[in-house]
N, C-alpha and C. Protein backbone atom coordinates (compact mmCIF):
# COMPACT_ATOMS: atom_id res chain seq x y z
N MET A 1 -29.48 -23.15 2.92
CA MET A 1 -28.77 -22.15 3.88
C MET A 1 -29.54 -20.75 3.74
N TRP A 2 -29.73 -20.26 2.60
CA TRP A 2 -30.45 -19.10 2.25
C TRP A 2 -31.94 -19.05 2.86
N GLY A 3 -32.40 -20.08 2.96
CA GLY A 3 -33.78 -20.26 3.39
C GLY A 3 -33.70 -19.96 5.03
N LYS A 4 -32.60 -20.39 5.72
CA LYS A 4 -32.22 -20.47 7.08
C LYS A 4 -32.16 -18.94 7.35
N LEU A 5 -31.30 -18.15 6.52
CA LEU A 5 -30.90 -16.84 6.75
C LEU A 5 -32.38 -15.83 7.01
N PHE A 6 -33.36 -16.42 6.05
CA PHE A 6 -34.35 -15.32 5.91
C PHE A 6 -35.62 -15.97 6.71
N ASP A 7 -35.21 -17.02 7.55
CA ASP A 7 -36.54 -17.71 8.12
C ASP A 7 -36.69 -16.92 9.54
N GLY A 8 -37.49 -17.47 10.09
CA GLY A 8 -37.59 -17.01 11.58
C GLY A 8 -37.62 -15.42 11.90
N ASP A 9 -37.17 -15.13 12.75
CA ASP A 9 -37.30 -13.53 13.08
C ASP A 9 -36.40 -12.59 12.41
N GLY A 10 -35.41 -13.23 11.49
CA GLY A 10 -34.66 -12.29 10.67
C GLY A 10 -33.20 -11.78 11.34
N GLU A 11 -32.88 -12.54 12.77
CA GLU A 11 -32.04 -11.91 13.51
C GLU A 11 -30.64 -12.17 12.92
N GLU A 12 -30.50 -13.39 12.23
CA GLU A 12 -29.03 -13.84 11.62
C GLU A 12 -28.87 -12.94 10.24
N SER A 13 -29.67 -12.38 9.65
CA SER A 13 -29.53 -11.62 8.36
C SER A 13 -29.34 -10.15 8.87
N GLN A 14 -29.81 -9.96 10.16
CA GLN A 14 -29.45 -8.26 10.62
C GLN A 14 -27.97 -8.51 11.00
N VAL A 15 -27.44 -9.51 11.65
CA VAL A 15 -26.09 -9.72 12.06
C VAL A 15 -25.22 -9.77 10.81
N VAL A 16 -25.46 -10.28 9.60
CA VAL A 16 -24.78 -10.41 8.56
C VAL A 16 -24.85 -8.80 7.62
N GLY A 17 -25.94 -8.28 7.77
CA GLY A 17 -25.97 -6.96 7.35
C GLY A 17 -25.00 -5.85 8.03
N ALA A 18 -25.39 -5.86 9.46
CA ALA A 18 -24.70 -4.98 10.28
C ALA A 18 -23.12 -5.21 10.04
N THR A 19 -22.57 -6.51 10.04
CA THR A 19 -21.13 -6.64 10.11
C THR A 19 -20.67 -6.23 8.54
N LEU A 20 -21.42 -6.42 7.42
CA LEU A 20 -21.01 -6.00 6.15
C LEU A 20 -20.98 -4.38 6.06
N LEU A 21 -21.84 -3.76 6.76
CA LEU A 21 -22.07 -2.23 6.67
C LEU A 21 -20.77 -1.75 7.63
N ILE A 22 -20.34 -2.37 8.68
CA ILE A 22 -19.31 -2.15 9.54
C ILE A 22 -18.05 -2.12 8.80
N ALA A 23 -17.76 -3.36 8.04
CA ALA A 23 -16.69 -3.66 7.20
C ALA A 23 -16.35 -2.58 5.90
N ILE A 24 -17.54 -2.28 5.37
CA ILE A 24 -17.54 -1.23 4.34
C ILE A 24 -17.25 0.13 4.90
N SER A 25 -17.66 0.54 5.88
CA SER A 25 -17.58 1.80 6.54
C SER A 25 -16.02 2.11 6.95
N ILE A 26 -15.56 0.83 7.67
CA ILE A 26 -13.95 0.79 7.92
C ILE A 26 -13.01 0.85 6.66
N LEU A 27 -13.50 0.23 5.54
CA LEU A 27 -12.63 0.23 4.30
C LEU A 27 -12.76 1.47 3.88
N LEU A 28 -13.90 2.19 3.74
CA LEU A 28 -14.05 3.70 3.20
C LEU A 28 -13.00 4.78 3.89
N ALA A 29 -13.25 4.59 5.34
CA ALA A 29 -12.60 5.50 6.23
C ALA A 29 -11.03 5.18 6.18
N VAL A 30 -10.51 4.19 5.87
CA VAL A 30 -9.07 3.80 5.72
C VAL A 30 -8.46 4.47 4.41
N THR A 31 -9.27 4.13 3.48
CA THR A 31 -8.91 4.64 2.25
C THR A 31 -8.98 5.97 2.06
N THR A 32 -9.84 6.72 2.72
CA THR A 32 -10.00 8.13 2.64
C THR A 32 -8.86 8.89 3.41
N ALA A 33 -8.67 8.31 4.67
CA ALA A 33 -7.60 8.64 5.24
C ALA A 33 -6.16 8.68 4.81
N ALA A 34 -5.87 7.43 4.08
CA ALA A 34 -4.64 7.32 3.42
C ALA A 34 -4.44 8.35 2.48
N PHE A 35 -5.50 8.77 1.59
CA PHE A 35 -5.32 9.82 0.62
C PHE A 35 -5.12 11.22 1.03
N VAL A 36 -5.94 11.57 2.23
CA VAL A 36 -5.97 12.67 3.01
C VAL A 36 -4.48 13.03 3.62
N ILE A 37 -3.92 11.85 3.80
CA ILE A 37 -2.66 12.17 4.72
C ILE A 37 -1.45 12.03 3.52
N GLY A 38 -1.87 11.73 2.48
CA GLY A 38 -0.78 11.64 1.45
C GLY A 38 -0.13 10.21 1.10
N LEU A 39 -0.83 9.13 1.77
CA LEU A 39 -0.08 8.01 1.39
C LEU A 39 -0.46 7.44 0.10
N GLY A 40 -1.67 7.73 -0.40
CA GLY A 40 -1.99 7.32 -1.61
C GLY A 40 -1.06 7.66 -2.83
N ASP A 41 -0.68 8.81 -2.80
CA ASP A 41 0.07 9.31 -4.05
C ASP A 41 1.41 9.30 -3.82
N ARG A 42 2.04 8.83 -2.99
CA ARG A 42 3.32 8.66 -2.50
C ARG A 42 4.23 7.76 -3.52
N THR A 43 5.32 8.29 -3.97
CA THR A 43 6.23 7.35 -4.76
C THR A 43 7.39 6.99 -3.96
N ASP A 44 8.19 6.17 -4.52
CA ASP A 44 9.44 5.68 -3.74
C ASP A 44 10.44 6.74 -3.80
N THR A 45 10.68 7.52 -2.57
CA THR A 45 11.50 8.70 -2.63
C THR A 45 12.78 8.46 -1.70
N SER A 46 13.15 7.12 -1.61
CA SER A 46 14.32 6.80 -0.93
C SER A 46 15.61 7.37 -1.54
N PRO A 47 16.58 7.93 -0.61
CA PRO A 47 17.79 8.46 -1.56
C PRO A 47 18.54 7.36 -1.98
N PRO A 48 19.28 7.64 -3.23
CA PRO A 48 20.07 6.75 -3.85
C PRO A 48 21.34 6.47 -2.70
N GLU A 49 22.01 5.37 -3.27
CA GLU A 49 23.19 4.99 -2.53
C GLU A 49 24.33 5.17 -3.52
N VAL A 50 25.38 6.10 -3.02
CA VAL A 50 26.43 6.40 -3.91
C VAL A 50 27.64 6.87 -3.08
N GLU A 51 28.76 6.89 -3.75
CA GLU A 51 29.86 7.05 -2.96
C GLU A 51 30.70 8.12 -3.68
N PHE A 52 31.44 9.15 -3.09
CA PHE A 52 32.01 10.15 -3.57
C PHE A 52 33.53 10.26 -3.10
N THR A 53 34.43 10.50 -3.91
CA THR A 53 35.67 10.71 -3.37
C THR A 53 36.08 12.18 -3.80
N TYR A 54 37.09 12.75 -3.12
CA TYR A 54 37.46 14.22 -3.09
C TYR A 54 38.84 14.18 -3.29
N GLU A 55 39.16 15.01 -4.34
CA GLU A 55 40.61 15.35 -4.54
C GLU A 55 40.78 16.91 -4.36
N TYR A 56 41.46 17.35 -3.41
CA TYR A 56 41.53 18.64 -3.12
C TYR A 56 43.20 18.96 -3.43
N SER A 57 42.97 20.27 -4.07
CA SER A 57 44.34 20.88 -4.37
C SER A 57 44.38 22.45 -3.75
N GLN A 58 45.20 23.00 -3.02
CA GLN A 58 45.40 24.14 -2.38
C GLN A 58 46.10 25.08 -3.33
N VAL A 59 45.60 25.37 -4.41
CA VAL A 59 46.20 26.16 -5.42
C VAL A 59 45.09 27.57 -5.33
N GLY A 60 45.83 28.71 -5.28
CA GLY A 60 44.65 29.90 -5.10
C GLY A 60 43.82 29.67 -3.96
N ASN A 61 42.59 29.83 -4.01
CA ASN A 61 41.56 29.61 -3.14
C ASN A 61 41.26 28.01 -3.08
N GLY A 62 42.02 27.09 -3.64
CA GLY A 62 41.66 25.92 -3.29
C GLY A 62 40.63 25.29 -4.72
N ASN A 63 40.92 24.16 -5.22
CA ASN A 63 40.12 23.31 -6.01
C ASN A 63 39.86 21.85 -5.51
N LEU A 64 38.48 21.60 -5.58
CA LEU A 64 38.05 20.45 -5.09
C LEU A 64 37.46 19.62 -6.24
N THR A 65 37.94 18.58 -6.68
CA THR A 65 37.33 17.52 -7.54
C THR A 65 36.46 16.66 -6.93
N ILE A 66 35.32 16.46 -7.42
CA ILE A 66 34.25 15.51 -6.62
C ILE A 66 34.10 14.31 -7.75
N VAL A 67 34.61 13.12 -7.34
CA VAL A 67 34.43 11.88 -8.30
C VAL A 67 33.28 11.19 -7.76
N HIS A 68 32.41 10.82 -8.66
CA HIS A 68 31.22 9.65 -8.36
C HIS A 68 31.99 8.24 -8.41
N GLU A 69 32.23 7.74 -7.25
CA GLU A 69 33.20 6.58 -7.11
C GLU A 69 32.45 5.17 -7.35
N SER A 70 31.22 5.23 -7.02
CA SER A 70 30.63 3.94 -7.13
C SER A 70 29.02 4.35 -6.60
N GLY A 71 28.08 3.35 -7.08
CA GLY A 71 26.71 3.48 -6.63
C GLY A 71 25.82 3.70 -7.96
N GLU A 72 24.67 4.18 -7.49
CA GLU A 72 23.55 4.53 -8.62
C GLU A 72 23.86 5.79 -9.62
N THR A 73 23.48 5.70 -10.71
CA THR A 73 23.44 7.03 -11.60
C THR A 73 22.41 7.79 -11.06
N LEU A 74 22.82 9.32 -10.93
CA LEU A 74 22.06 10.15 -10.54
C LEU A 74 21.66 11.00 -11.68
N ASP A 75 20.35 11.76 -11.50
CA ASP A 75 19.76 12.65 -12.25
C ASP A 75 20.46 14.04 -11.74
N PRO A 76 21.20 14.63 -12.63
CA PRO A 76 21.84 16.01 -11.92
C PRO A 76 20.74 16.82 -11.35
N SER A 77 19.43 17.07 -12.07
CA SER A 77 18.44 17.78 -11.83
C SER A 77 18.05 17.48 -10.12
N THR A 78 18.29 16.54 -9.50
CA THR A 78 18.15 16.24 -8.17
C THR A 78 19.40 16.32 -7.08
N VAL A 79 20.31 16.86 -7.71
CA VAL A 79 21.57 17.02 -6.77
C VAL A 79 22.17 18.31 -6.76
N GLU A 80 22.30 18.72 -5.77
CA GLU A 80 23.00 20.10 -5.50
C GLU A 80 24.43 20.12 -4.75
N VAL A 81 25.26 20.90 -4.84
CA VAL A 81 26.41 21.24 -4.07
C VAL A 81 26.09 22.28 -3.22
N ARG A 82 26.15 22.14 -1.76
CA ARG A 82 26.02 23.10 -0.90
C ARG A 82 27.29 23.35 -0.01
N ALA A 83 27.47 24.54 0.40
CA ALA A 83 28.72 24.78 1.16
C ALA A 83 28.52 25.95 2.27
N ASP A 84 29.38 26.05 3.40
CA ASP A 84 29.17 26.87 4.25
C ASP A 84 29.96 28.13 3.74
N ILE A 85 30.68 28.21 2.63
CA ILE A 85 31.44 29.26 2.22
C ILE A 85 31.09 29.50 0.74
N GLN A 86 31.58 30.49 0.09
CA GLN A 86 31.15 30.63 -1.24
C GLN A 86 32.08 30.09 -2.13
N PHE A 87 31.67 29.44 -3.18
CA PHE A 87 32.47 28.67 -4.14
C PHE A 87 31.92 29.06 -5.58
N ARG A 88 32.76 28.60 -6.45
CA ARG A 88 32.48 28.64 -7.98
C ARG A 88 32.51 27.35 -8.67
N PRO A 89 31.39 26.79 -9.43
CA PRO A 89 31.64 25.48 -9.89
C PRO A 89 32.43 25.80 -11.30
N ALA A 90 33.35 24.86 -11.52
CA ALA A 90 34.03 25.10 -12.66
C ALA A 90 33.19 24.10 -13.74
N PRO A 91 33.51 24.69 -14.97
CA PRO A 91 32.68 24.10 -16.05
C PRO A 91 32.93 22.57 -16.19
N GLY A 92 31.95 21.72 -16.85
CA GLY A 92 32.27 20.23 -16.90
C GLY A 92 33.53 19.92 -17.67
N ASN A 93 33.61 19.79 -18.76
CA ASN A 93 34.91 19.55 -19.71
C ASN A 93 35.56 20.62 -20.08
N ASP A 94 35.37 21.80 -19.56
CA ASP A 94 36.24 22.91 -19.91
C ASP A 94 37.01 23.44 -18.95
N SER A 95 38.18 23.72 -19.45
CA SER A 95 39.17 24.32 -18.37
C SER A 95 39.23 26.04 -18.24
N GLY A 96 38.35 26.51 -19.05
CA GLY A 96 38.17 28.09 -19.13
C GLY A 96 37.73 28.72 -18.10
N THR A 97 37.13 29.77 -18.31
CA THR A 97 36.84 30.71 -17.34
C THR A 97 35.84 30.14 -16.41
N LEU A 98 36.09 30.45 -15.16
CA LEU A 98 34.96 29.88 -14.01
C LEU A 98 33.76 30.90 -14.09
N ARG A 99 32.94 30.41 -13.36
CA ARG A 99 31.71 31.20 -13.10
C ARG A 99 32.13 32.44 -12.30
N SER A 100 31.48 33.59 -12.63
CA SER A 100 32.00 34.94 -12.18
C SER A 100 31.46 35.01 -10.67
N SER A 101 30.41 34.44 -10.29
CA SER A 101 30.01 35.00 -9.00
C SER A 101 30.05 33.71 -8.11
N GLY A 102 30.29 33.96 -6.63
CA GLY A 102 30.36 32.86 -5.88
C GLY A 102 28.88 32.51 -5.31
N VAL A 103 28.76 31.35 -5.01
CA VAL A 103 27.46 30.93 -4.51
C VAL A 103 27.69 29.86 -3.40
N GLU A 104 26.55 29.60 -2.50
CA GLU A 104 26.71 28.63 -1.50
C GLU A 104 25.84 27.31 -1.74
N SER A 105 25.22 27.47 -2.90
CA SER A 105 24.27 26.37 -3.15
C SER A 105 24.12 26.24 -4.61
N TYR A 106 24.45 25.17 -5.55
CA TYR A 106 24.32 25.16 -6.93
C TYR A 106 23.83 23.78 -7.38
N ALA A 107 22.78 23.88 -8.27
CA ALA A 107 22.42 22.58 -8.72
C ALA A 107 23.31 21.97 -9.94
N LEU A 108 23.29 20.69 -9.88
CA LEU A 108 24.28 20.10 -10.81
C LEU A 108 24.01 20.16 -12.20
N ASP A 109 22.57 20.24 -12.40
CA ASP A 109 22.06 20.53 -13.76
C ASP A 109 22.30 22.03 -14.51
N SER A 110 22.73 22.85 -13.58
CA SER A 110 23.10 24.21 -13.90
C SER A 110 24.15 24.46 -15.02
N ILE A 111 24.10 25.62 -15.70
CA ILE A 111 25.15 25.94 -16.63
C ILE A 111 26.14 26.60 -15.96
N ALA A 112 27.47 26.31 -16.11
CA ALA A 112 28.62 26.91 -15.68
C ALA A 112 29.40 27.39 -16.91
N THR A 113 29.33 28.65 -17.21
CA THR A 113 30.22 29.47 -18.10
C THR A 113 29.96 28.80 -19.50
N GLY A 114 28.40 28.54 -19.81
CA GLY A 114 28.14 28.13 -21.14
C GLY A 114 28.02 26.54 -21.43
N SER A 115 28.73 25.76 -20.56
CA SER A 115 28.44 24.40 -20.76
C SER A 115 27.92 23.81 -19.46
N GLU A 116 27.48 22.66 -19.66
CA GLU A 116 26.67 21.88 -18.45
C GLU A 116 28.01 21.50 -17.41
N TRP A 117 27.50 21.59 -16.31
CA TRP A 117 28.50 21.31 -15.24
C TRP A 117 28.82 19.78 -15.24
N VAL A 118 27.94 18.98 -15.36
CA VAL A 118 28.06 17.53 -15.42
C VAL A 118 27.41 16.77 -16.55
N GLY A 119 26.74 17.51 -17.34
CA GLY A 119 26.23 16.74 -18.38
C GLY A 119 24.76 16.13 -17.89
N THR A 120 24.28 15.21 -18.53
CA THR A 120 22.87 14.49 -18.53
C THR A 120 22.86 13.50 -17.47
N ALA A 121 23.98 12.85 -16.89
CA ALA A 121 23.68 12.10 -15.83
C ALA A 121 25.10 11.96 -14.90
N LEU A 122 25.02 11.74 -13.73
CA LEU A 122 26.11 11.83 -12.83
C LEU A 122 26.13 10.24 -12.41
N GLU A 123 27.19 9.75 -13.15
CA GLU A 123 27.42 8.33 -13.17
C GLU A 123 28.67 8.00 -12.55
N GLN A 124 28.90 6.68 -12.46
CA GLN A 124 30.42 6.11 -11.84
C GLN A 124 31.39 6.74 -12.65
N GLY A 125 32.37 7.38 -12.07
CA GLY A 125 33.47 7.91 -12.95
C GLY A 125 33.32 9.48 -13.16
N SER A 126 32.17 9.90 -13.25
CA SER A 126 31.90 11.26 -13.56
C SER A 126 32.57 12.15 -12.51
N GLU A 127 32.82 13.31 -12.68
CA GLU A 127 33.48 14.37 -11.89
C GLU A 127 33.03 15.62 -12.25
N PHE A 128 33.23 16.43 -11.08
CA PHE A 128 33.01 17.96 -11.19
C PHE A 128 34.04 18.40 -10.25
N THR A 129 34.17 19.95 -10.41
CA THR A 129 35.30 20.74 -9.60
C THR A 129 34.34 22.00 -8.97
N VAL A 130 34.66 22.09 -7.86
CA VAL A 130 34.28 23.48 -7.19
C VAL A 130 35.37 24.19 -6.84
N VAL A 131 35.61 25.62 -6.79
CA VAL A 131 36.72 26.33 -6.60
C VAL A 131 36.28 27.35 -5.72
N GLY A 132 37.19 27.81 -4.66
CA GLY A 132 36.97 28.85 -3.59
C GLY A 132 36.85 30.18 -4.18
N ASN A 133 35.95 30.86 -3.54
CA ASN A 133 35.64 32.18 -4.24
C ASN A 133 36.32 33.36 -3.29
N ASP A 134 35.84 33.97 -2.35
CA ASP A 134 36.36 34.89 -1.56
C ASP A 134 37.10 34.60 -0.68
N SER A 135 36.81 33.27 -0.16
CA SER A 135 37.59 32.47 0.89
C SER A 135 38.13 31.17 0.46
N THR A 136 39.11 30.59 0.86
CA THR A 136 39.45 29.33 0.51
C THR A 136 38.55 28.22 0.74
N LEU A 137 38.74 27.13 -0.05
CA LEU A 137 38.06 25.96 0.36
C LEU A 137 38.57 25.29 1.67
N ASN A 138 39.76 25.63 1.84
CA ASN A 138 40.58 25.15 2.97
C ASN A 138 39.84 25.01 4.10
N SER A 139 39.01 26.09 4.37
CA SER A 139 38.22 26.46 5.70
C SER A 139 36.90 26.13 5.68
N GLY A 140 36.42 25.34 4.57
CA GLY A 140 34.82 25.24 4.27
C GLY A 140 34.59 23.88 4.37
N THR A 141 33.22 23.52 4.48
CA THR A 141 32.58 22.20 4.18
C THR A 141 31.78 22.03 3.02
N ILE A 142 31.85 21.13 2.04
CA ILE A 142 31.14 21.01 0.93
C ILE A 142 30.40 19.83 1.02
N ARG A 143 28.94 19.76 0.81
CA ARG A 143 28.10 18.87 0.92
C ARG A 143 27.43 18.36 -0.42
N ILE A 144 27.34 17.19 -0.94
CA ILE A 144 26.57 16.63 -1.89
C ILE A 144 25.15 16.31 -1.53
N VAL A 145 24.14 17.13 -1.98
CA VAL A 145 22.80 16.87 -1.49
C VAL A 145 21.98 16.28 -2.31
N TRP A 146 21.14 15.35 -2.17
CA TRP A 146 19.90 14.68 -3.04
C TRP A 146 18.72 15.41 -2.60
N VAL A 147 18.02 16.04 -3.57
CA VAL A 147 16.78 16.64 -3.39
C VAL A 147 15.62 15.63 -4.00
N GLY A 148 14.73 15.12 -3.15
CA GLY A 148 13.67 14.28 -3.71
C GLY A 148 12.83 14.62 -4.63
N PRO A 149 12.75 14.46 -5.83
CA PRO A 149 11.98 14.96 -6.82
C PRO A 149 10.56 15.03 -6.39
N ALA A 150 9.91 14.06 -5.51
CA ALA A 150 8.56 14.18 -5.33
C ALA A 150 8.08 15.10 -4.30
N ASP A 151 8.95 15.16 -3.13
CA ASP A 151 8.68 15.80 -2.02
C ASP A 151 9.63 17.06 -1.60
N GLY A 152 10.71 17.07 -2.33
CA GLY A 152 11.68 18.06 -1.97
C GLY A 152 12.59 17.96 -0.75
N ASP A 153 12.16 16.59 -0.12
CA ASP A 153 13.13 16.26 1.04
C ASP A 153 14.64 16.18 0.57
N THR A 154 15.56 16.42 1.64
CA THR A 154 16.99 16.30 1.24
C THR A 154 17.64 15.41 2.19
N THR A 155 18.72 14.82 1.31
CA THR A 155 19.62 13.91 2.23
C THR A 155 21.29 14.14 1.57
N VAL A 156 21.81 14.24 2.62
CA VAL A 156 23.25 14.64 2.35
C VAL A 156 23.94 13.10 1.86
N LEU A 157 24.56 13.06 0.70
CA LEU A 157 25.11 12.00 0.05
C LEU A 157 26.59 11.71 0.20
N GLY A 158 27.30 13.15 0.50
CA GLY A 158 28.61 13.11 0.63
C GLY A 158 28.91 14.50 1.21
N GLU A 159 30.13 14.20 1.89
CA GLU A 159 30.53 15.56 2.81
C GLU A 159 31.98 15.63 2.81
N TRP A 160 32.54 16.69 2.51
CA TRP A 160 34.13 17.01 2.62
C TRP A 160 34.29 18.24 3.42
N GLN A 161 35.29 18.08 4.47
CA GLN A 161 35.58 19.24 5.04
C GLN A 161 37.23 19.53 4.72
N GLY A 162 37.22 20.89 4.57
CA GLY A 162 38.93 21.40 4.15
C GLY A 162 39.63 21.12 5.51
N PRO A 163 41.07 20.94 5.09
CA PRO A 163 41.95 20.66 6.39
C PRO A 163 41.97 21.87 7.39
N GLY A 164 41.49 23.27 7.09
CA GLY A 164 41.31 24.24 7.99
C GLY A 164 40.00 24.22 8.63
N ALA A 165 39.13 23.28 8.36
CA ALA A 165 37.46 23.50 8.77
C ALA A 165 37.58 23.43 10.21
């Protein structure tokens, strides 16, 4: 077989050589393009599947306790509470003083009056509470948002609307 490839006018070997050159060029181009547009360094950034329940009480400006009912355990550093009104996060296992200033976005791994808001993991049965600040929670919308650790893309995992919203 090798003798036949190299015998004669060399036309067959030129075809094989040209085919290999084209295949290698295409492979290099595809690999380079994948890394240039970011496909080569992507990790799995699909949002977790989780379900929350909400327990609302219209005491004062309103209290909303959010409970991780089922689904994946979440890293609190990838989850934020966002609202269209100002709220205050209540401390994790502490019924003492609430955070002094109202916010519209707050990361779950933040400190609320000296104690972690939810601890090191948000898992089934975990709960945390938000309290209305200048306006009541009754007229607001609270969203639990997952922030992708690799790319910062966001996904709403849960949403609650006040009865007056």
